[in-house]
Amino acid sequence: MRLYRLIPTLLLLFILAGCGLLPDQEDETRDWTASQLYNEAKENLDEEDYEQAIKLYESLQARYPFGRYAQQAQIEVAYAYYRYDEPEQAIAAADRFIKLHPKHPNVDYVYYLKGLADFHRGSGILERFIPSKSSERDPGSASRSFYHFEELVQK
């Protein structure tokens, strides 16, 4: 019976001790300004390093949510997700932007981007190498995409 109490205690002790042995990850962008974060993210986006661009844009949004670069970062993170072949994330980022900034002058671009992402939602990696006929694809993503483009035209 005493052994049953000792095992969970030792397991908990090893888990807690293991956390202290992990190396601390240094965030090199910790002291960066909003301008530095935005410029570096934009540079990564231009170089097609979408994963790093997404990290930097999200870091910018988290640290400076009301700064002058935050709204543009929200648009560009949606684009980066789209280009990184993450249509669900792109649509979620676009929806967030539309909900937060419905009167923004570039909201029409976000609707367009949302339509593109939804159109490509049904296709996978295999679709790039072995294209299928559009008549064989699920019409759901095309229908949703049409709806988003219709919203774009109406607004």
C-alpha atoms as a PDB file:
ATOM      1  CA  MET A   1       0.000   0.000   0.000  1.00  0.00           C
ATOM      2  CA  ARG A   2       2.862   2.322   0.796  1.00  0.00           C
ATOM      3  CA  LEU A   3       4.335   1.632  -2.656  1.00  0.00           C
ATOM      4  CA  TYR A   4       1.141   2.936  -4.320  1.00  0.00           C
ATOM      5  CA  ARG A   5       1.608   6.302  -2.585  1.00  0.00           C
ATOM      6  CA  LEU A   6       5.313   6.438  -3.356  1.00  0.00           C
ATOM      7  CA  ILE A   7       4.991   5.927  -7.131  1.00  0.00           C
ATOM      8  CA  PRO A   8       2.773   8.987  -7.841  1.00  0.00           C
ATOM      9  CA  THR A   9       4.938  11.110  -5.556  1.00  0.00           C
ATOM     10  CA  LEU A  10       8.113  10.063  -7.373  1.00  0.00           C
ATOM     11  CA  LEU A  11       6.463  10.561 -10.750  1.00  0.00           C
ATOM     12  CA  LEU A  12       5.400  14.082  -9.797  1.00  0.00           C
ATOM     13  CA  LEU A  13       8.899  14.807  -8.500  1.00  0.00           C
ATOM     14  CA  PHE A  14      10.496  13.678 -11.784  1.00  0.00           C
ATOM     15  CA  ILE A  15       8.074  15.753 -13.835  1.00  0.00           C
ATOM     16  CA  LEU A  16       8.753  18.877 -11.805  1.00  0.00           C
ATOM     17  CA  ALA A  17      12.499  18.298 -11.892  1.00  0.00           C
ATOM     18  CA  GLY A  18      12.381  17.762 -15.651  1.00  0.00           C
ATOM     19  CA  CYS A  19      10.829  21.169 -16.223  1.00  0.00           C
ATOM     20  CA  GLY A  20      13.833  22.870 -14.664  1.00  0.00           C
ATOM     21  CA  LEU A  21      16.240  21.033 -16.948  1.00  0.00           C
ATOM     22  CA  LEU A  22      14.728  22.372 -20.157  1.00  0.00           C
ATOM     23  CA  PRO A  23      16.715  25.197 -21.708  1.00  0.00           C
ATOM     24  CA  ASP A  24      15.066  28.593 -21.641  1.00  0.00           C
ATOM     25  CA  GLN A  25      14.144  29.739 -25.110  1.00  0.00           C
ATOM     26  CA  GLU A  26      15.304  33.289 -25.646  1.00  0.00           C
ATOM     27  CA  ASP A  27      12.927  35.493 -27.602  1.00  0.00           C
ATOM     28  CA  GLU A  28      15.138  37.669 -29.744  1.00  0.00           C
ATOM     29  CA  THR A  29      12.186  39.906 -30.627  1.00  0.00           C
ATOM     30  CA  ARG A  30      11.361  40.644 -26.997  1.00  0.00           C
ATOM     31  CA  ASP A  31      12.660  44.222 -27.107  1.00  0.00           C
ATOM     32  CA  TRP A  32      11.607  45.041 -30.669  1.00  0.00           C
ATOM     33  CA  THR A  33       9.323  47.943 -31.423  1.00  0.00           C
ATOM     34  CA  ALA A  34       6.115  47.558 -33.405  1.00  0.00           C
ATOM     35  CA  SER A  35       7.876  49.020 -36.418  1.00  0.00           C
ATOM     36  CA  GLN A  36      10.712  46.490 -36.214  1.00  0.00           C
ATOM     37  CA  LEU A  37       8.291  43.571 -35.848  1.00  0.00           C
ATOM     38  CA  TYR A  38       6.193  44.748 -38.775  1.00  0.00           C
ATOM     39  CA  ASN A  39       9.153  45.371 -41.079  1.00  0.00           C
ATOM     40  CA  GLU A  40      10.728  42.001 -40.292  1.00  0.00           C
ATOM     41  CA  ALA A  41       7.404  40.207 -40.785  1.00  0.00           C
ATOM     42  CA  LYS A  42       6.848  42.020 -44.090  1.00  0.00           C
ATOM     43  CA  GLU A  43      10.344  41.057 -45.209  1.00  0.00           C
ATOM     44  CA  ASN A  44       9.659  37.400 -44.359  1.00  0.00           C
ATOM     45  CA  LEU A  45       6.356  37.585 -46.221  1.00  0.00           C
ATOM     46  CA  ASP A  46       8.086  39.024 -49.290  1.00  0.00           C
ATOM     47  CA  GLU A  47      10.692  36.250 -49.122  1.00  0.00           C
ATOM     48  CA  GLU A  48       7.876  33.670 -48.925  1.00  0.00           C
ATOM     49  CA  ASP A  49       8.885  32.546 -45.431  1.00  0.00           C
ATOM     50  CA  TYR A  50       5.245  32.420 -44.400  1.00  0.00           C
ATOM     51  CA  GLU A  51       5.723  30.500 -41.172  1.00  0.00           C
ATOM     52  CA  GLN A  52       8.110  33.091 -39.733  1.00  0.00           C
ATOM     53  CA  ALA A  53       5.976  35.947 -41.055  1.00  0.00           C
ATOM     54  CA  ILE A  54       2.923  34.511 -39.291  1.00  0.00           C
ATOM     55  CA  LYS A  55       4.831  34.226 -36.012  1.00  0.00           C
ATOM     56  CA  LEU A  56       6.022  37.815 -36.232  1.00  0.00           C
ATOM     57  CA  TYR A  57       2.629  39.218 -37.232  1.00  0.00           C
ATOM     58  CA  GLU A  58       0.947  37.365 -34.380  1.00  0.00           C
ATOM     59  CA  SER A  59       3.613  38.583 -31.984  1.00  0.00           C
ATOM     60  CA  LEU A  60       3.002  42.136 -33.201  1.00  0.00           C
ATOM     61  CA  GLN A  61      -0.744  41.760 -32.659  1.00  0.00           C
ATOM     62  CA  ALA A  62      -0.228  40.357 -29.170  1.00  0.00           C
ATOM     63  CA  ARG A  63       2.232  43.033 -28.036  1.00  0.00           C
ATOM     64  CA  TYR A  64       0.801  46.088 -29.759  1.00  0.00           C
ATOM     65  CA  PRO A  65      -2.908  45.344 -30.332  1.00  0.00           C
ATOM     66  CA  PHE A  66      -3.872  49.016 -30.664  1.00  0.00           C
ATOM     67  CA  GLY A  67      -0.781  50.283 -32.450  1.00  0.00           C
ATOM     68  CA  ARG A  68      -0.714  51.703 -35.942  1.00  0.00           C
ATOM     69  CA  TYR A  69       0.626  48.452 -37.423  1.00  0.00           C
ATOM     70  CA  ALA A  70      -1.894  46.125 -35.772  1.00  0.00           C
ATOM     71  CA  GLN A  71      -4.679  46.415 -38.341  1.00  0.00           C
ATOM     72  CA  GLN A  72      -2.348  45.914 -41.288  1.00  0.00           C
ATOM     73  CA  ALA A  73      -0.762  42.954 -39.488  1.00  0.00           C
ATOM     74  CA  GLN A  74      -4.207  41.373 -39.139  1.00  0.00           C
ATOM     75  CA  ILE A  75      -4.751  41.630 -42.886  1.00  0.00           C
ATOM     76  CA  GLU A  76      -1.310  40.348 -43.746  1.00  0.00           C
ATOM     77  CA  VAL A  77      -1.472  37.408 -41.345  1.00  0.00           C
ATOM     78  CA  ALA A  78      -4.637  36.269 -43.139  1.00  0.00           C
ATOM     79  CA  TYR A  79      -2.766  36.523 -46.442  1.00  0.00           C
ATOM     80  CA  ALA A  80       0.235  34.667 -45.004  1.00  0.00           C
ATOM     81  CA  TYR A  81      -2.020  31.847 -43.804  1.00  0.00           C
ATOM     82  CA  TYR A  82      -3.591  31.667 -47.258  1.00  0.00           C
ATOM     83  CA  ARG A  83      -0.195  31.481 -48.957  1.00  0.00           C
ATOM     84  CA  TYR A  84       1.037  28.970 -46.346  1.00  0.00           C
ATOM     85  CA  ASP A  85      -1.821  26.696 -47.458  1.00  0.00           C
ATOM     86  CA  GLU A  86      -3.799  27.032 -44.237  1.00  0.00           C
ATOM     87  CA  PRO A  87      -7.190  28.144 -45.586  1.00  0.00           C
ATOM     88  CA  GLU A  88      -9.059  27.547 -42.320  1.00  0.00           C
ATOM     89  CA  GLN A  89      -6.658  29.811 -40.438  1.00  0.00           C
ATOM     90  CA  ALA A  90      -6.833  32.404 -43.223  1.00  0.00           C
ATOM     91  CA  ILE A  91     -10.634  32.425 -43.050  1.00  0.00           C
ATOM     92  CA  ALA A  92     -10.567  32.709 -39.258  1.00  0.00           C
ATOM     93  CA  ALA A  93      -8.114  35.629 -39.431  1.00  0.00           C
ATOM     94  CA  ALA A  94     -10.250  37.310 -42.102  1.00  0.00           C
ATOM     95  CA  ASP A  95     -13.411  36.836 -40.022  1.00  0.00           C
ATOM     96  CA  ARG A  96     -11.674  38.359 -36.999  1.00  0.00           C
ATOM     97  CA  PHE A  97     -10.609  41.377 -39.024  1.00  0.00           C
ATOM     98  CA  ILE A  98     -14.063  41.868 -40.557  1.00  0.00           C
ATOM     99  CA  LYS A  99     -15.700  41.627 -37.146  1.00  0.00           C
ATOM    100  CA  LEU A 100     -13.270  44.087 -35.536  1.00  0.00           C
ATOM    101  CA  HIS A 101     -12.982  46.559 -38.430  1.00  0.00           C
ATOM    102  CA  PRO A 102     -16.121  46.463 -40.608  1.00  0.00           C
ATOM    103  CA  LYS A 103     -15.566  50.050 -41.828  1.00  0.00           C
ATOM    104  CA  HIS A 104     -11.848  49.687 -42.628  1.00  0.00           C
ATOM    105  CA  PRO A 105     -10.938  50.988 -46.106  1.00  0.00           C
ATOM    106  CA  ASN A 106      -9.332  47.636 -47.019  1.00  0.00           C
ATOM    107  CA  VAL A 107     -12.133  45.384 -45.777  1.00  0.00           C
ATOM    108  CA  ASP A 108     -13.026  44.626 -49.404  1.00  0.00           C
ATOM    109  CA  TYR A 109      -9.610  42.994 -49.856  1.00  0.00           C
ATOM    110  CA  VAL A 110     -10.234  40.871 -46.761  1.00  0.00           C
ATOM    111  CA  TYR A 111     -13.553  39.655 -48.207  1.00  0.00           C
ATOM    112  CA  TYR A 112     -11.734  38.817 -51.444  1.00  0.00           C
ATOM    113  CA  LEU A 113      -9.014  36.957 -49.542  1.00  0.00           C
ATOM    114  CA  LYS A 114     -11.657  35.076 -47.580  1.00  0.00           C
ATOM    115  CA  GLY A 115     -13.320  34.014 -50.832  1.00  0.00           C
ATOM    116  CA  LEU A 116     -10.007  32.796 -52.264  1.00  0.00           C
ATOM    117  CA  ALA A 117      -9.188  30.850 -49.119  1.00  0.00           C
ATOM    118  CA  ASP A 118     -12.611  29.231 -49.058  1.00  0.00           C
ATOM    119  CA  PHE A 119     -12.335  28.293 -52.733  1.00  0.00           C
ATOM    120  CA  HIS A 120      -9.052  26.490 -52.075  1.00  0.00           C
ATOM    121  CA  ARG A 121     -10.260  24.952 -48.825  1.00  0.00           C
ATOM    122  CA  GLY A 122     -11.375  21.723 -50.474  1.00  0.00           C
ATOM    123  CA  SER A 123      -8.139  21.078 -52.328  1.00  0.00           C
ATOM    124  CA  GLY A 124      -5.205  19.380 -50.696  1.00  0.00           C
ATOM    125  CA  ILE A 125      -1.527  18.921 -51.391  1.00  0.00           C
ATOM    126  CA  LEU A 126      -2.237  16.101 -53.824  1.00  0.00           C
ATOM    127  CA  GLU A 127      -4.408  18.487 -55.837  1.00  0.00           C
ATOM    128  CA  ARG A 128      -1.339  20.544 -56.733  1.00  0.00           C
ATOM    129  CA  PHE A 129       0.445  17.634 -58.359  1.00  0.00           C
ATOM    130  CA  ILE A 130      -2.494  15.692 -59.780  1.00  0.00           C
ATOM    131  CA  PRO A 131      -5.210  18.190 -60.652  1.00  0.00           C
ATOM    132  CA  SER A 132      -8.744  16.860 -60.716  1.00  0.00           C
ATOM    133  CA  LYS A 133     -11.665  18.078 -62.754  1.00  0.00           C
ATOM    134  CA  SER A 134     -13.636  20.848 -61.132  1.00  0.00           C
ATOM    135  CA  SER A 135     -16.814  18.824 -61.720  1.00  0.00           C
ATOM    136  CA  GLU A 136     -15.446  16.100 -59.424  1.00  0.00           C
ATOM    137  CA  ARG A 137     -14.717  18.449 -56.527  1.00  0.00           C
ATOM    138  CA  ASP A 138     -17.042  19.093 -53.633  1.00  0.00           C
ATOM    139  CA  PRO A 139     -19.161  22.113 -54.598  1.00  0.00           C
ATOM    140  CA  GLY A 140     -19.425  23.272 -50.976  1.00  0.00           C
ATOM    141  CA  SER A 141     -16.205  25.277 -50.965  1.00  0.00           C
ATOM    142  CA  ALA A 142     -17.040  26.878 -54.322  1.00  0.00           C
ATOM    143  CA  SER A 143     -20.496  27.781 -53.042  1.00  0.00           C
ATOM    144  CA  ARG A 144     -19.106  29.361 -49.871  1.00  0.00           C
ATOM    145  CA  SER A 145     -16.498  31.167 -51.940  1.00  0.00           C
ATOM    146  CA  PHE A 146     -19.219  32.538 -54.210  1.00  0.00           C
ATOM    147  CA  TYR A 147     -21.080  33.785 -51.132  1.00  0.00           C
ATOM    148  CA  HIS A 148     -17.958  35.641 -49.913  1.00  0.00           C
ATOM    149  CA  PHE A 149     -17.412  37.209 -53.330  1.00  0.00           C
ATOM    150  CA  GLU A 150     -21.074  38.214 -53.360  1.00  0.00           C
ATOM    151  CA  GLU A 151     -20.568  39.922 -49.985  1.00  0.00           C
ATOM    152  CA  LEU A 152     -17.592  41.738 -51.478  1.00  0.00           C
ATOM    153  CA  VAL A 153     -19.648  43.062 -54.387  1.00  0.00           C
ATOM    154  CA  GLN A 154     -22.534  44.131 -52.149  1.00  0.00           C
ATOM    155  CA  LYS A 155     -20.313  46.036 -49.727  1.00  0.00           C
END
